[in-house]
Protein backbone atom coordinates (compact mmCIF):
# COMPACT_ATOMS: atom_id res chain seq x y z
CA UNK A 1 8.28 7.90 -12.06
CA UNK A 2 7.94 11.06 -9.94
CA UNK A 3 5.12 11.69 -7.66
CA UNK A 4 2.02 13.10 -8.74
CA UNK A 5 -0.50 15.20 -7.16
CA UNK A 6 -3.83 14.91 -8.80
CA UNK A 7 -7.35 16.25 -8.48
CA UNK A 8 -10.70 15.25 -10.03
CA UNK A 9 -12.56 17.48 -12.39
CA UNK A 10 -15.91 15.89 -12.90
CA UNK A 11 -15.41 12.35 -14.39
CA UNK A 12 -11.77 13.24 -15.47
CA UNK A 13 -8.44 13.54 -13.49
CA UNK A 14 -5.70 16.12 -14.15
CA UNK A 15 -1.94 15.18 -12.33
CA UNK A 16 0.90 17.53 -12.48
CA UNK A 17 4.10 15.72 -11.99
CA UNK A 18 6.07 16.69 -8.91
CA UNK A 19 10.20 17.02 -8.69
CA UNK A 20 11.95 14.19 -6.77
CA UNK A 21 12.63 17.14 -4.16
CA UNK A 22 9.34 17.54 -3.50
CA UNK A 23 7.93 14.08 -2.57
CA UNK A 24 5.96 13.60 0.57
CA UNK A 25 7.09 11.33 2.98
CA UNK A 26 4.68 8.86 4.27
CA UNK A 27 6.59 8.93 8.06
CA UNK A 28 6.87 12.50 9.05
CA UNK A 29 7.84 11.65 12.88
CA UNK A 30 7.92 7.74 13.47
CA UNK A 31 7.27 6.65 17.04
CA UNK A 32 10.31 6.47 19.17
CA UNK A 33 9.81 2.67 20.64
CA UNK A 34 7.21 0.55 18.84
CA UNK A 35 9.08 -2.72 19.97
CA UNK A 36 8.09 -1.49 23.61
CA UNK A 37 4.93 0.10 23.09
CA UNK A 38 3.50 -2.17 20.33
CA UNK A 39 4.58 -5.39 21.51
CA UNK A 40 1.69 -6.98 22.55
CA UNK A 41 -0.58 -5.72 19.87
CA UNK A 42 -3.05 -8.52 18.39
CA UNK A 43 -3.47 -8.65 14.60
CA UNK A 44 -7.20 -7.84 15.06
CA UNK A 45 -6.31 -4.53 16.83
CA UNK A 46 -3.22 -3.80 14.23
CA UNK A 47 -6.14 -4.35 11.33
CA UNK A 48 -8.37 -2.25 13.07
CA UNK A 49 -5.44 0.34 13.17
CA UNK A 50 -4.65 -0.05 9.28
CA UNK A 51 -8.38 0.29 8.51
CA UNK A 52 -8.92 3.02 9.96
CA UNK A 53 -5.67 4.70 8.92
CA UNK A 54 -6.05 4.04 4.98
CA UNK A 55 -8.86 4.08 2.58
CA UNK A 56 -7.63 0.52 0.94
CA UNK A 57 -5.32 -1.82 2.50
CA UNK A 58 -3.76 -4.47 1.17
CA UNK A 59 -2.27 -7.56 2.91
CA UNK A 60 0.34 -9.45 0.89
CA UNK A 61 2.26 -12.59 1.08
CA UNK A 62 5.97 -13.14 -0.04
CA UNK A 63 5.26 -13.58 -3.88
CA UNK A 64 3.29 -10.43 -3.85
CA UNK A 65 -0.33 -12.08 -3.76
CA UNK A 66 -3.02 -10.42 -2.40
CA UNK A 67 -4.04 -12.11 0.59
CA UNK A 68 -6.33 -9.75 2.45
CA UNK A 69 -8.63 -6.21 1.46
CA UNK A 70 -10.00 -3.56 3.39
CA UNK A 71 -11.81 -0.70 1.76
CA UNK A 72 -12.94 2.07 4.24
CA UNK A 73 -14.76 3.98 2.19
CA UNK A 74 -17.87 3.27 0.41
CA UNK A 75 -17.62 5.56 -2.68
CA UNK A 76 -14.00 3.99 -3.12
CA UNK A 77 -16.09 0.30 -3.23
CA UNK A 78 -18.41 1.61 -5.79
CA UNK A 79 -15.58 3.08 -8.02
CA UNK A 80 -13.60 -0.31 -7.74
CA UNK A 81 -15.92 -2.99 -8.43
CA UNK A 82 -13.72 -5.52 -9.23
CA UNK A 83 -11.85 -5.33 -5.94
CA UNK A 84 -13.72 -8.52 -4.71
CA UNK A 85 -11.74 -10.14 -7.83
CA UNK A 86 -8.46 -9.15 -6.55
CA UNK A 87 -7.91 -12.15 -3.43
CA UNK A 88 -5.52 -14.98 -4.24
CA UNK A 89 -4.04 -12.56 -7.47
CA UNK A 90 -0.76 -11.01 -7.50
CA UNK A 91 -1.10 -7.08 -7.07
CA UNK A 92 0.49 -6.20 -9.80
CA UNK A 93 -1.77 -8.03 -12.19
CA UNK A 94 -4.53 -6.05 -10.49
CA UNK A 95 -3.14 -2.73 -11.76
CA UNK A 96 -3.48 -0.74 -15.15
CA UNK A 97 -0.51 -1.94 -17.37
CA UNK A 98 1.38 1.47 -16.72
CA UNK A 99 1.87 1.30 -13.06
CA UNK A 100 3.24 -2.03 -12.70
CA UNK A 101 6.89 -0.68 -12.67
CA UNK A 102 5.90 1.48 -9.87
CA UNK A 103 4.24 -2.07 -8.08
CA UNK A 104 7.42 -3.49 -8.30
CA UNK A 105 9.50 -0.64 -7.00
CA UNK A 106 7.14 -0.44 -4.05
CA UNK A 107 7.59 -4.09 -3.50
CA UNK A 108 11.16 -4.29 -3.76
CA UNK A 109 11.85 -1.48 -1.57
CA UNK A 110 9.20 -2.64 0.91
CA UNK A 111 11.86 -6.21 1.23
CA UNK A 112 14.67 -3.68 1.62
CA UNK A 113 13.32 -1.88 4.48
CA UNK A 114 13.82 1.53 2.76
CA UNK A 115 11.79 4.11 4.04
CA UNK A 116 8.24 3.96 2.64
CA UNK A 117 7.03 6.19 -0.08
CA UNK A 118 3.93 7.20 -1.94
CA UNK A 119 3.61 6.51 -5.46
CA UNK A 120 1.24 6.88 -7.82
CA UNK A 121 -0.97 3.64 -8.84
CA UNK A 122 -3.61 3.55 -11.66
CA UNK A 123 -6.33 1.10 -11.09
CA UNK A 124 -8.39 1.23 -14.37
CA UNK A 125 -9.17 5.39 -14.35
CA UNK A 126 -8.89 5.71 -10.60
CA UNK A 127 -5.09 7.19 -9.39
CA UNK A 128 -4.31 6.02 -6.25
CA UNK A 129 -1.46 6.66 -4.05
CA UNK A 130 -0.35 3.38 -2.48
CA UNK A 131 3.05 2.64 0.08
CA UNK A 132 4.18 -0.37 1.15
CA UNK A 133 5.82 -1.92 4.19
CA UNK A 134 7.39 -5.16 5.17
CA UNK A 135 5.35 -6.57 8.14
CA UNK A 136 7.29 -9.60 8.95
CA UNK A 137 11.02 -10.55 8.26
CA UNK A 138 12.06 -12.21 5.15
CA UNK A 139 12.82 -16.05 4.97
CA UNK A 140 16.53 -16.31 6.43
CA UNK A 141 14.72 -15.05 9.51
CA UNK A 142 11.72 -17.41 9.69
CA UNK A 143 12.61 -19.50 12.80
CA UNK A 144 11.98 -16.38 14.63
CA UNK A 145 8.97 -15.44 12.93
CA UNK A 146 6.89 -18.53 12.89
CA UNK A 147 4.40 -17.18 10.38
CA UNK A 148 5.13 -16.51 6.13
CA UNK A 149 6.35 -13.18 5.25
CA UNK A 150 3.75 -10.53 5.01
CA UNK A 151 3.82 -6.87 3.19
CA UNK A 152 0.87 -4.45 4.33
CA UNK A 153 0.13 -1.77 1.48
CA UNK A 154 -1.53 1.05 2.07
CA UNK A 155 -3.03 3.52 -0.32
CA UNK A 156 -5.36 7.07 -0.48
CA UNK A 157 -7.02 7.98 -3.55
CA UNK A 158 -5.70 11.04 -5.21
CA UNK A 159 -7.47 14.26 -5.24
């Protein structure tokens, strides 16, 4: 499904679907040497950066189950009262039925190391743009990465 440009009007949303060629890339200018410059960043600093850079951040395990949630905006916390129940549930089970295929596409793209793109995902009546990246190598490289494979999903409300 193509990305959408949505704006909130009162209690409703108005969305216009954008052609594929108008997709907004997640990364416009990537770091030149992240493996060198960010090699010694610790988990707390990474968590702080991820939280500061996104309105919603999810940490998923290799099965797509939500292991941690960060929401950086009180209005969004109020709009998503069920977010406290997301921990331990598959991410796909927390979204509206019409968005489940897009969650699968995001997760598959993250595993295959494709360039991240924003996708419009609905939680109840709230449209949110999500993007996902693989944060640890998949299982064949497990001996090089002591922890379990993780995906980091960042999001921002539409509008």
